[in-house]
Amino acid sequence: LARKTGLDFIDTDSEIEKISKKKIKEIFSTKGEVFFRKLEEKICKKFINGEKKIVSIGGGAFMNKHIRNVIAKCGKSFWIEVNKDTLIKRLSNSNNIRPILDYRNLNKSISEIMNTRKGIYTKADVKIKVLNKNKSEIVNKIIKFI
């Protein structure tokens, strides 16, 4: 998306890791989720500042009302909706361990998180369903809204 639009791209999780010099998993295990969420909010506010760019936030960040408010003032929010089976497949094949997931029962863990977050995710400005769409189709759909 950033390449096709020529806009800068920021991944807030990567920025958190760069600034803290620790992986997200390590931050969760040593400092806890509350500390991580405060840091996440600070980073989101730093980069979601009205300058036109693509900012990818972590899945839990949009649950934070302050982050949602900053996004609403400065840009558009997109809910990239992926079904549970696709998420399970992606997460099972990923080396990037998500600290809030129970990998022993990934199906149940993802279901619980999806159910918890869905009500808030519906507050996004635009919902993009990705089922049976390739990256190019998804990017083109997003571009129509930015």
N, C-alpha and C. Protein backbone atom coordinates (compact mmCIF):
# COMPACT_ATOMS: atom_id res chain seq x y z
N LEU A 1 0.84 -1.19 0.00
CA LEU A 1 0.00 0.00 0.00
C LEU A 1 0.88 1.25 0.00
N ALA A 2 1.86 1.27 0.88
CA ALA A 2 2.75 2.44 0.96
C ALA A 2 3.53 2.61 -0.35
N ARG A 3 4.02 1.50 -0.89
CA ARG A 3 4.76 1.58 -2.15
C ARG A 3 3.88 2.12 -3.27
N LYS A 4 2.67 1.61 -3.35
CA LYS A 4 1.77 2.00 -4.44
C LYS A 4 1.32 3.45 -4.31
N THR A 5 1.19 3.94 -3.09
CA THR A 5 0.74 5.32 -2.88
C THR A 5 1.89 6.31 -2.76
N GLY A 6 3.11 5.79 -2.54
CA GLY A 6 4.26 6.67 -2.34
C GLY A 6 4.31 7.29 -0.96
N LEU A 7 3.47 6.80 -0.05
CA LEU A 7 3.44 7.33 1.31
C LEU A 7 4.41 6.58 2.21
N ASP A 8 4.88 7.25 3.25
CA ASP A 8 5.71 6.59 4.25
C ASP A 8 4.89 5.55 4.98
N PHE A 9 5.56 4.50 5.46
CA PHE A 9 4.90 3.43 6.20
C PHE A 9 5.51 3.32 7.59
N ILE A 10 4.65 3.27 8.59
CA ILE A 10 5.07 3.09 9.98
C ILE A 10 4.32 1.90 10.55
N ASP A 11 5.05 0.97 11.15
CA ASP A 11 4.44 -0.13 11.90
C ASP A 11 4.71 0.16 13.37
N THR A 12 3.65 0.41 14.13
CA THR A 12 3.86 0.84 15.52
C THR A 12 4.52 -0.24 16.37
N ASP A 13 4.23 -1.51 16.11
CA ASP A 13 4.90 -2.57 16.87
C ASP A 13 6.41 -2.55 16.62
N SER A 14 6.80 -2.35 15.37
CA SER A 14 8.24 -2.26 15.04
C SER A 14 8.88 -1.05 15.72
N GLU A 15 8.15 0.06 15.75
CA GLU A 15 8.67 1.26 16.41
C GLU A 15 8.82 1.03 17.92
N ILE A 16 7.87 0.34 18.51
CA ILE A 16 7.95 0.02 19.94
C ILE A 16 9.20 -0.82 20.21
N GLU A 17 9.43 -1.83 19.36
CA GLU A 17 10.61 -2.69 19.53
C GLU A 17 11.90 -1.90 19.33
N LYS A 18 11.90 -1.00 18.37
CA LYS A 18 13.09 -0.19 18.10
C LYS A 18 13.41 0.73 19.28
N ILE A 19 12.40 1.41 19.78
CA ILE A 19 12.60 2.35 20.88
C ILE A 19 12.96 1.64 22.18
N SER A 20 12.29 0.54 22.47
CA SER A 20 12.53 -0.17 23.74
C SER A 20 13.72 -1.13 23.66
N LYS A 21 14.17 -1.41 22.43
CA LYS A 21 15.25 -2.38 22.19
C LYS A 21 14.88 -3.77 22.73
N LYS A 22 13.57 -4.07 22.71
CA LYS A 22 13.06 -5.37 23.15
C LYS A 22 11.95 -5.81 22.22
N LYS A 23 11.80 -7.11 22.07
CA LYS A 23 10.68 -7.67 21.32
C LYS A 23 9.40 -7.47 22.13
N ILE A 24 8.27 -7.40 21.44
CA ILE A 24 6.97 -7.22 22.11
C ILE A 24 6.78 -8.31 23.17
N LYS A 25 7.09 -9.53 22.81
CA LYS A 25 6.94 -10.67 23.74
C LYS A 25 7.72 -10.42 25.03
N GLU A 26 8.93 -9.89 24.88
CA GLU A 26 9.78 -9.62 26.05
C GLU A 26 9.22 -8.48 26.90
N ILE A 27 8.67 -7.47 26.25
CA ILE A 27 8.06 -6.36 26.99
C ILE A 27 6.90 -6.88 27.83
N PHE A 28 6.05 -7.71 27.22
CA PHE A 28 4.92 -8.30 27.94
C PHE A 28 5.40 -9.12 29.13
N SER A 29 6.43 -9.94 28.93
CA SER A 29 6.86 -10.84 30.01
C SER A 29 7.62 -10.12 31.12
N THR A 30 8.32 -9.03 30.80
CA THR A 30 9.10 -8.35 31.84
C THR A 30 8.38 -7.15 32.45
N LYS A 31 7.60 -6.43 31.64
CA LYS A 31 6.95 -5.20 32.11
C LYS A 31 5.44 -5.32 32.24
N GLY A 32 4.85 -6.30 31.53
CA GLY A 32 3.40 -6.50 31.60
C GLY A 32 2.63 -5.79 30.50
N GLU A 33 1.38 -6.21 30.36
CA GLU A 33 0.54 -5.65 29.29
C GLU A 33 0.20 -4.18 29.52
N VAL A 34 -0.03 -3.78 30.76
CA VAL A 34 -0.39 -2.38 31.05
C VAL A 34 0.74 -1.45 30.58
N PHE A 35 1.98 -1.79 30.92
CA PHE A 35 3.13 -1.00 30.48
C PHE A 35 3.18 -0.94 28.96
N PHE A 36 3.01 -2.11 28.32
CA PHE A 36 3.05 -2.16 26.85
C PHE A 36 1.98 -1.26 26.24
N ARG A 37 0.76 -1.32 26.76
CA ARG A 37 -0.35 -0.54 26.19
C ARG A 37 -0.10 0.97 26.34
N LYS A 38 0.53 1.38 27.44
CA LYS A 38 0.87 2.80 27.61
C LYS A 38 1.92 3.23 26.59
N LEU A 39 2.91 2.37 26.39
CA LEU A 39 3.95 2.65 25.40
C LEU A 39 3.35 2.67 23.99
N GLU A 40 2.47 1.75 23.73
CA GLU A 40 1.78 1.68 22.43
C GLU A 40 0.99 2.97 22.16
N GLU A 41 0.30 3.47 23.17
CA GLU A 41 -0.46 4.71 23.01
C GLU A 41 0.48 5.88 22.70
N LYS A 42 1.58 5.95 23.42
CA LYS A 42 2.56 7.03 23.21
C LYS A 42 3.10 6.99 21.77
N ILE A 43 3.45 5.80 21.31
CA ILE A 43 4.00 5.64 19.96
C ILE A 43 2.94 5.99 18.91
N CYS A 44 1.72 5.52 19.11
CA CYS A 44 0.64 5.82 18.16
C CYS A 44 0.42 7.32 18.06
N LYS A 45 0.39 8.00 19.20
CA LYS A 45 0.18 9.45 19.20
C LYS A 45 1.34 10.18 18.50
N LYS A 46 2.53 9.64 18.62
CA LYS A 46 3.69 10.25 17.98
C LYS A 46 3.58 10.19 16.45
N PHE A 47 3.16 9.05 15.94
CA PHE A 47 3.16 8.86 14.49
C PHE A 47 1.84 9.18 13.81
N ILE A 48 0.75 9.15 14.54
CA ILE A 48 -0.55 9.52 13.96
C ILE A 48 -0.76 10.99 14.31
N ASN A 49 -0.20 11.83 13.45
CA ASN A 49 -0.07 13.25 13.79
C ASN A 49 -0.58 14.20 12.71
N GLY A 50 -1.33 13.70 11.77
CA GLY A 50 -1.85 14.57 10.72
C GLY A 50 -1.05 14.55 9.43
N GLU A 51 0.20 14.07 9.50
CA GLU A 51 0.99 13.93 8.27
C GLU A 51 0.44 12.73 7.50
N LYS A 52 0.34 12.88 6.20
CA LYS A 52 -0.23 11.80 5.39
C LYS A 52 0.77 10.65 5.29
N LYS A 53 0.39 9.51 5.83
CA LYS A 53 1.23 8.31 5.81
C LYS A 53 0.37 7.10 6.12
N ILE A 54 0.93 5.93 5.96
CA ILE A 54 0.26 4.68 6.30
C ILE A 54 0.81 4.23 7.65
N VAL A 55 -0.06 4.08 8.64
CA VAL A 55 0.36 3.63 9.97
C VAL A 55 -0.38 2.34 10.29
N SER A 56 0.40 1.29 10.51
CA SER A 56 -0.16 0.00 10.89
C SER A 56 -0.04 -0.13 12.41
N ILE A 57 -1.19 -0.26 13.07
CA ILE A 57 -1.18 -0.41 14.53
C ILE A 57 -1.43 -1.87 14.88
N GLY A 58 -1.02 -2.26 16.07
CA GLY A 58 -1.27 -3.62 16.53
C GLY A 58 -2.76 -3.86 16.74
N GLY A 59 -3.15 -5.12 16.74
CA GLY A 59 -4.56 -5.49 16.86
C GLY A 59 -5.24 -4.98 18.11
N GLY A 60 -4.50 -4.85 19.20
CA GLY A 60 -5.09 -4.38 20.45
C GLY A 60 -5.12 -2.86 20.57
N ALA A 61 -4.36 -2.17 19.74
CA ALA A 61 -4.25 -0.71 19.85
C ALA A 61 -5.59 -0.01 19.61
N PHE A 62 -6.37 -0.51 18.67
CA PHE A 62 -7.64 0.14 18.34
C PHE A 62 -8.65 0.00 19.48
N MET A 63 -8.38 -0.88 20.42
CA MET A 63 -9.25 -1.03 21.59
C MET A 63 -9.12 0.17 22.53
N ASN A 64 -8.03 0.92 22.38
CA ASN A 64 -7.75 2.09 23.22
C ASN A 64 -8.50 3.31 22.68
N LYS A 65 -9.42 3.84 23.47
CA LYS A 65 -10.25 4.98 23.07
C LYS A 65 -9.41 6.19 22.66
N HIS A 66 -8.31 6.44 23.36
CA HIS A 66 -7.46 7.59 23.05
C HIS A 66 -6.81 7.44 21.68
N ILE A 67 -6.39 6.23 21.37
CA ILE A 67 -5.79 5.98 20.05
C ILE A 67 -6.86 6.14 18.97
N ARG A 68 -8.05 5.61 19.21
CA ARG A 68 -9.14 5.76 18.23
C ARG A 68 -9.46 7.24 18.00
N ASN A 69 -9.45 8.04 19.07
CA ASN A 69 -9.73 9.47 18.93
C ASN A 69 -8.67 10.19 18.11
N VAL A 70 -7.41 9.83 18.33
CA VAL A 70 -6.32 10.44 17.55
C VAL A 70 -6.47 10.07 16.08
N ILE A 71 -6.77 8.82 15.81
CA ILE A 71 -6.98 8.38 14.42
C ILE A 71 -8.14 9.15 13.80
N ALA A 72 -9.23 9.28 14.54
CA ALA A 72 -10.42 9.98 14.02
C ALA A 72 -10.11 11.44 13.66
N LYS A 73 -9.25 12.08 14.44
CA LYS A 73 -8.89 13.48 14.19
C LYS A 73 -7.93 13.63 13.02
N CYS A 74 -7.07 12.64 12.83
CA CYS A 74 -5.96 12.80 11.90
C CYS A 74 -6.05 11.99 10.61
N GLY A 75 -6.98 11.05 10.53
CA GLY A 75 -6.99 10.21 9.34
C GLY A 75 -8.19 9.29 9.28
N LYS A 76 -7.99 8.17 8.64
CA LYS A 76 -9.04 7.17 8.50
C LYS A 76 -8.56 5.86 9.10
N SER A 77 -9.51 5.16 9.69
CA SER A 77 -9.20 3.83 10.23
C SER A 77 -9.81 2.77 9.33
N PHE A 78 -9.05 1.70 9.15
CA PHE A 78 -9.48 0.58 8.32
C PHE A 78 -9.46 -0.69 9.15
N TRP A 79 -10.55 -1.41 9.13
CA TRP A 79 -10.61 -2.73 9.75
C TRP A 79 -10.39 -3.73 8.63
N ILE A 80 -9.24 -4.35 8.64
CA ILE A 80 -8.92 -5.38 7.65
C ILE A 80 -9.42 -6.69 8.25
N GLU A 81 -10.63 -7.08 7.88
CA GLU A 81 -11.27 -8.24 8.50
C GLU A 81 -10.80 -9.54 7.85
N VAL A 82 -10.23 -10.38 8.68
CA VAL A 82 -9.74 -11.69 8.26
C VAL A 82 -10.52 -12.73 9.05
N ASN A 83 -10.91 -13.82 8.39
CA ASN A 83 -11.67 -14.83 9.13
C ASN A 83 -10.74 -15.65 10.04
N LYS A 84 -11.36 -16.34 10.97
CA LYS A 84 -10.61 -17.07 12.00
C LYS A 84 -9.68 -18.12 11.42
N ASP A 85 -10.15 -18.87 10.43
CA ASP A 85 -9.31 -19.93 9.85
C ASP A 85 -8.04 -19.35 9.21
N THR A 86 -8.19 -18.22 8.54
CA THR A 86 -7.03 -17.56 7.94
C THR A 86 -6.06 -17.09 9.02
N LEU A 87 -6.59 -16.52 10.09
CA LEU A 87 -5.74 -16.08 11.20
C LEU A 87 -4.98 -17.25 11.82
N ILE A 88 -5.68 -18.34 12.05
CA ILE A 88 -5.04 -19.52 12.64
C ILE A 88 -3.90 -19.99 11.74
N LYS A 89 -4.15 -20.05 10.45
CA LYS A 89 -3.12 -20.50 9.51
C LYS A 89 -1.92 -19.56 9.53
N ARG A 90 -2.18 -18.25 9.47
CA ARG A 90 -1.09 -17.27 9.48
C ARG A 90 -0.28 -17.34 10.77
N LEU A 91 -0.98 -17.40 11.89
CA LEU A 91 -0.29 -17.39 13.18
C LEU A 91 0.46 -18.69 13.44
N SER A 92 -0.07 -19.80 12.95
CA SER A 92 0.60 -21.09 13.11
C SER A 92 1.90 -21.14 12.32
N ASN A 93 1.94 -20.42 11.21
CA ASN A 93 3.12 -20.42 10.34
C ASN A 93 4.07 -19.26 10.60
N SER A 94 3.78 -18.46 11.61
CA SER A 94 4.58 -17.26 11.87
C SER A 94 5.60 -17.51 12.98
N ASN A 95 6.75 -16.88 12.83
CA ASN A 95 7.77 -16.92 13.88
C ASN A 95 7.53 -15.81 14.91
N ASN A 96 6.63 -14.91 14.59
CA ASN A 96 6.32 -13.77 15.45
C ASN A 96 5.29 -14.20 16.50
N ILE A 97 5.75 -14.45 17.71
CA ILE A 97 4.87 -14.92 18.78
C ILE A 97 4.08 -13.76 19.37
N ARG A 98 2.77 -13.90 19.40
CA ARG A 98 1.87 -12.89 19.97
C ARG A 98 1.65 -13.22 21.44
N PRO A 99 2.03 -12.33 22.34
CA PRO A 99 2.01 -12.66 23.77
C PRO A 99 0.64 -12.90 24.38
N ILE A 100 -0.43 -12.38 23.78
CA ILE A 100 -1.74 -12.59 24.41
C ILE A 100 -2.44 -13.84 23.89
N LEU A 101 -1.82 -14.55 22.96
CA LEU A 101 -2.44 -15.77 22.43
C LEU A 101 -1.99 -17.00 23.21
N ASP A 102 -2.92 -17.92 23.39
CA ASP A 102 -2.60 -19.23 23.95
C ASP A 102 -2.41 -20.18 22.77
N TYR A 103 -1.16 -20.44 22.43
CA TYR A 103 -0.84 -21.26 21.26
C TYR A 103 -1.20 -22.73 21.46
N ARG A 104 -1.44 -23.14 22.70
CA ARG A 104 -1.86 -24.53 22.95
C ARG A 104 -3.30 -24.74 22.49
N ASN A 105 -4.09 -23.66 22.52
CA ASN A 105 -5.47 -23.72 22.04
C ASN A 105 -5.74 -22.45 21.23
N LEU A 106 -5.09 -22.40 20.07
CA LEU A 106 -5.13 -21.21 19.23
C LEU A 106 -6.55 -20.90 18.76
N ASN A 107 -7.30 -21.91 18.40
CA ASN A 107 -8.67 -21.72 17.92
C ASN A 107 -9.52 -20.99 18.97
N LYS A 108 -9.49 -21.48 20.19
CA LYS A 108 -10.26 -20.86 21.28
C LYS A 108 -9.75 -19.45 21.58
N SER A 109 -8.43 -19.31 21.64
CA SER A 109 -7.82 -18.02 21.97
C SER A 109 -8.20 -16.95 20.94
N ILE A 110 -8.10 -17.30 19.66
CA ILE A 110 -8.45 -16.35 18.61
C ILE A 110 -9.94 -16.03 18.64
N SER A 111 -10.76 -17.04 18.86
CA SER A 111 -12.22 -16.81 18.95
C SER A 111 -12.55 -15.81 20.05
N GLU A 112 -11.93 -15.98 21.21
CA GLU A 112 -12.19 -15.08 22.33
C GLU A 112 -11.76 -13.65 22.02
N ILE A 113 -10.58 -13.51 21.43
CA ILE A 113 -10.08 -12.17 21.09
C ILE A 113 -10.96 -11.52 20.02
N MET A 114 -11.32 -12.30 19.01
CA MET A 114 -12.18 -11.75 17.95
C MET A 114 -13.52 -11.30 18.51
N ASN A 115 -14.10 -12.10 19.39
CA ASN A 115 -15.38 -11.74 19.99
C ASN A 115 -15.27 -10.48 20.85
N THR A 116 -14.17 -10.36 21.58
CA THR A 116 -13.95 -9.19 22.43
C THR A 116 -13.76 -7.92 21.61
N ARG A 117 -13.03 -8.02 20.51
CA ARG A 117 -12.64 -6.84 19.74
C ARG A 117 -13.64 -6.42 18.67
N LYS A 118 -14.47 -7.33 18.22
CA LYS A 118 -15.33 -7.05 17.07
C LYS A 118 -16.19 -5.79 17.26
N GLY A 119 -16.77 -5.63 18.42
CA GLY A 119 -17.62 -4.46 18.67
C GLY A 119 -16.88 -3.15 18.52
N ILE A 120 -15.63 -3.12 18.93
CA ILE A 120 -14.81 -1.90 18.79
C ILE A 120 -14.32 -1.76 17.34
N TYR A 121 -13.92 -2.86 16.74
CA TYR A 121 -13.44 -2.80 15.35
C TYR A 121 -14.51 -2.25 14.41
N THR A 122 -15.78 -2.46 14.73
CA THR A 122 -16.85 -1.93 13.86
C THR A 122 -16.87 -0.41 13.86
N LYS A 123 -16.14 0.22 14.77
CA LYS A 123 -16.06 1.69 14.81
C LYS A 123 -15.08 2.23 13.77
N ALA A 124 -14.34 1.35 13.11
CA ALA A 124 -13.42 1.80 12.07
C ALA A 124 -14.19 2.50 10.96
N ASP A 125 -13.54 3.46 10.32
CA ASP A 125 -14.19 4.20 9.23
C ASP A 125 -14.56 3.30 8.06
N VAL A 126 -13.68 2.35 7.76
CA VAL A 126 -13.87 1.49 6.60
C VAL A 126 -13.57 0.05 7.00
N LYS A 127 -14.42 -0.86 6.56
CA LYS A 127 -14.20 -2.29 6.79
C LYS A 127 -13.85 -2.93 5.46
N ILE A 128 -12.74 -3.64 5.43
CA ILE A 128 -12.29 -4.34 4.24
C ILE A 128 -12.26 -5.84 4.55
N LYS A 129 -13.10 -6.61 3.89
CA LYS A 129 -13.07 -8.07 4.05
C LYS A 129 -12.04 -8.62 3.08
N VAL A 130 -11.15 -9.46 3.58
CA VAL A 130 -10.06 -9.94 2.73
C VAL A 130 -10.25 -11.37 2.24
N LEU A 131 -11.32 -12.01 2.64
CA LEU A 131 -11.56 -13.39 2.22
C LEU A 131 -11.56 -13.49 0.69
N ASN A 132 -10.74 -14.40 0.18
CA ASN A 132 -10.63 -14.67 -1.26
C ASN A 132 -10.14 -13.47 -2.08
N LYS A 133 -9.44 -12.56 -1.44
CA LYS A 133 -8.86 -11.42 -2.16
C LYS A 133 -7.34 -11.50 -2.06
N ASN A 134 -6.66 -11.17 -3.14
CA ASN A 134 -5.20 -11.13 -3.08
C ASN A 134 -4.75 -9.75 -2.61
N LYS A 135 -3.46 -9.61 -2.33
CA LYS A 135 -2.94 -8.35 -1.79
C LYS A 135 -3.25 -7.16 -2.69
N SER A 136 -3.11 -7.36 -3.98
CA SER A 136 -3.35 -6.26 -4.92
C SER A 136 -4.80 -5.78 -4.86
N GLU A 137 -5.73 -6.70 -4.77
CA GLU A 137 -7.15 -6.34 -4.67
C GLU A 137 -7.43 -5.56 -3.38
N ILE A 138 -6.82 -6.01 -2.30
CA ILE A 138 -7.01 -5.35 -1.01
C ILE A 138 -6.44 -3.93 -1.05
N VAL A 139 -5.22 -3.81 -1.57
CA VAL A 139 -4.58 -2.50 -1.68
C VAL A 139 -5.43 -1.56 -2.53
N ASN A 140 -5.89 -2.03 -3.67
CA ASN A 140 -6.70 -1.18 -4.55
C ASN A 140 -8.00 -0.75 -3.88
N LYS A 141 -8.57 -1.64 -3.08
CA LYS A 141 -9.80 -1.29 -2.37
C LYS A 141 -9.54 -0.20 -1.33
N ILE A 142 -8.43 -0.32 -0.61
CA ILE A 142 -8.07 0.69 0.40
C ILE A 142 -7.80 2.04 -0.26
N ILE A 143 -7.09 2.01 -1.38
CA ILE A 143 -6.73 3.26 -2.08
C ILE A 143 -7.98 4.07 -2.44
N LYS A 144 -9.06 3.40 -2.73
CA LYS A 144 -10.31 4.11 -3.08
C LYS A 144 -10.79 5.01 -1.94
N PHE A 145 -10.38 4.68 -0.71
CA PHE A 145 -10.87 5.42 0.46
C PHE A 145 -9.88 6.45 1.01
N ILE A 146 -8.64 6.44 0.51
CA ILE A 146 -7.67 7.38 1.08
C ILE A 146 -7.42 8.58 0.17
